Amino acid sequence: MIAKIFALILLGMYLVFALVVVRQVKMMTDTLQLGFESLAKTLSWLHLGFAILVFLTALVIL
């Protein structure tokens, strides 16, 4: 039971990290014009979506 709670807390922290990545990519693409802004934004949003999916899956399974 404690391990399940600990796993959910860690996954919640990872979800926050994914949100920070999306925010940082947005700030970076607003500041720099490098030519691959859309790719970076897409990858950051996919990362966030995957983190949400993993968290919800763990919530249901655990």
C-alpha atoms as a PDB file:
ATOM      1  CA  MET A   1       0.000   0.000   0.000  1.00  0.00           C
ATOM      2  CA  ILE A   2       2.791   2.424   0.856  1.00  0.00           C
ATOM      3  CA  ALA A   3       4.613   1.527  -2.358  1.00  0.00           C
ATOM      4  CA  LYS A   4       1.489   2.310  -4.392  1.00  0.00           C
ATOM      5  CA  ILE A   5       1.115   5.720  -2.771  1.00  0.00           C
ATOM      6  CA  PHE A   6       4.823   6.401  -3.258  1.00  0.00           C
ATOM      7  CA  ALA A   7       4.572   5.435  -6.948  1.00  0.00           C
ATOM      8  CA  LEU A   8       1.594   7.753  -7.461  1.00  0.00           C
ATOM      9  CA  ILE A   9       3.429  10.605  -5.743  1.00  0.00           C
ATOM     10  CA  LEU A  10       6.452  10.077  -7.989  1.00  0.00           C
ATOM     11  CA  LEU A  11       4.264   9.952 -11.090  1.00  0.00           C
ATOM     12  CA  GLY A  12       2.543  13.141  -9.936  1.00  0.00           C
ATOM     13  CA  MET A  13       5.932  14.802  -9.646  1.00  0.00           C
ATOM     14  CA  TYR A  14       6.770  13.597 -13.155  1.00  0.00           C
ATOM     15  CA  LEU A  15       3.519  15.109 -14.381  1.00  0.00           C
ATOM     16  CA  VAL A  16       4.529  18.460 -12.885  1.00  0.00           C
ATOM     17  CA  PHE A  17       7.919  18.097 -14.604  1.00  0.00           C
ATOM     18  CA  ALA A  18       6.170  17.535 -17.940  1.00  0.00           C
ATOM     19  CA  LEU A  19       4.147  20.710 -17.400  1.00  0.00           C
ATOM     20  CA  VAL A  20       7.349  22.620 -16.677  1.00  0.00           C
ATOM     21  CA  VAL A  21       8.878  21.262 -19.899  1.00  0.00           C
ATOM     22  CA  VAL A  22       5.900  22.549 -21.918  1.00  0.00           C
ATOM     23  CA  ARG A  23       6.220  25.958 -20.263  1.00  0.00           C
ATOM     24  CA  GLN A  24       9.966  26.122 -20.838  1.00  0.00           C
ATOM     25  CA  VAL A  25       9.613  25.133 -24.494  1.00  0.00           C
ATOM     26  CA  LYS A  26       7.014  27.859 -24.963  1.00  0.00           C
ATOM     27  CA  MET A  27       9.317  30.440 -23.395  1.00  0.00           C
ATOM     28  CA  MET A  28      12.263  29.209 -25.474  1.00  0.00           C
ATOM     29  CA  THR A  29      10.370  29.343 -28.758  1.00  0.00           C
ATOM     30  CA  ASP A  30       9.084  32.838 -27.932  1.00  0.00           C
ATOM     31  CA  THR A  31      12.658  33.996 -27.324  1.00  0.00           C
ATOM     32  CA  LEU A  32      14.654  32.158 -29.994  1.00  0.00           C
ATOM     33  CA  GLN A  33      13.867  31.626 -33.659  1.00  0.00           C
ATOM     34  CA  LEU A  34      15.759  28.486 -34.668  1.00  0.00           C
ATOM     35  CA  GLY A  35      13.504  26.905 -37.268  1.00  0.00           C
ATOM     36  CA  PHE A  36      12.287  23.876 -35.314  1.00  0.00           C
ATOM     37  CA  GLU A  37       9.831  25.564 -32.949  1.00  0.00           C
ATOM     38  CA  SER A  38       6.844  23.534 -34.098  1.00  0.00           C
ATOM     39  CA  LEU A  39       8.739  20.256 -33.622  1.00  0.00           C
ATOM     40  CA  ALA A  40       9.835  21.234 -30.111  1.00  0.00           C
ATOM     41  CA  LYS A  41       6.304  22.291 -29.158  1.00  0.00           C
ATOM     42  CA  THR A  42       4.818  19.090 -30.589  1.00  0.00           C
ATOM     43  CA  LEU A  43       7.295  16.896 -28.731  1.00  0.00           C
ATOM     44  CA  SER A  44       6.720  18.724 -25.449  1.00  0.00           C
ATOM     45  CA  TRP A  45       2.940  18.333 -25.776  1.00  0.00           C
ATOM     46  CA  LEU A  46       3.309  14.650 -26.668  1.00  0.00           C
ATOM     47  CA  HIS A  47       5.520  14.229 -23.598  1.00  0.00           C
ATOM     48  CA  LEU A  48       2.857  15.875 -21.425  1.00  0.00           C
ATOM     49  CA  GLY A  49       0.137  13.683 -22.939  1.00  0.00           C
ATOM     50  CA  PHE A  50       2.191  10.565 -22.293  1.00  0.00           C
ATOM     51  CA  ALA A  51       2.820  11.645 -18.689  1.00  0.00           C
ATOM     52  CA  ILE A  52      -0.914  12.193 -18.146  1.00  0.00           C
ATOM     53  CA  LEU A  53      -1.704   8.818 -19.712  1.00  0.00           C
ATOM     54  CA  VAL A  54       0.831   7.023 -17.520  1.00  0.00           C
ATOM     55  CA  PHE A  55      -0.446   8.765 -14.374  1.00  0.00           C
ATOM     56  CA  LEU A  56      -4.085   7.915 -15.132  1.00  0.00           C
ATOM     57  CA  THR A  57      -3.191   4.340 -16.010  1.00  0.00           C
ATOM     58  CA  ALA A  58      -1.311   3.954 -12.740  1.00  0.00           C
ATOM     59  CA  LEU A  59      -4.215   5.510 -10.857  1.00  0.00           C
ATOM     60  CA  VAL A  60      -6.604   2.936 -12.320  1.00  0.00           C
ATOM     61  CA  ILE A  61      -4.274  -0.056 -11.973  1.00  0.00           C
ATOM     62  CA  LEU A  62      -2.901   0.734  -8.533  1.00  0.00           C
END
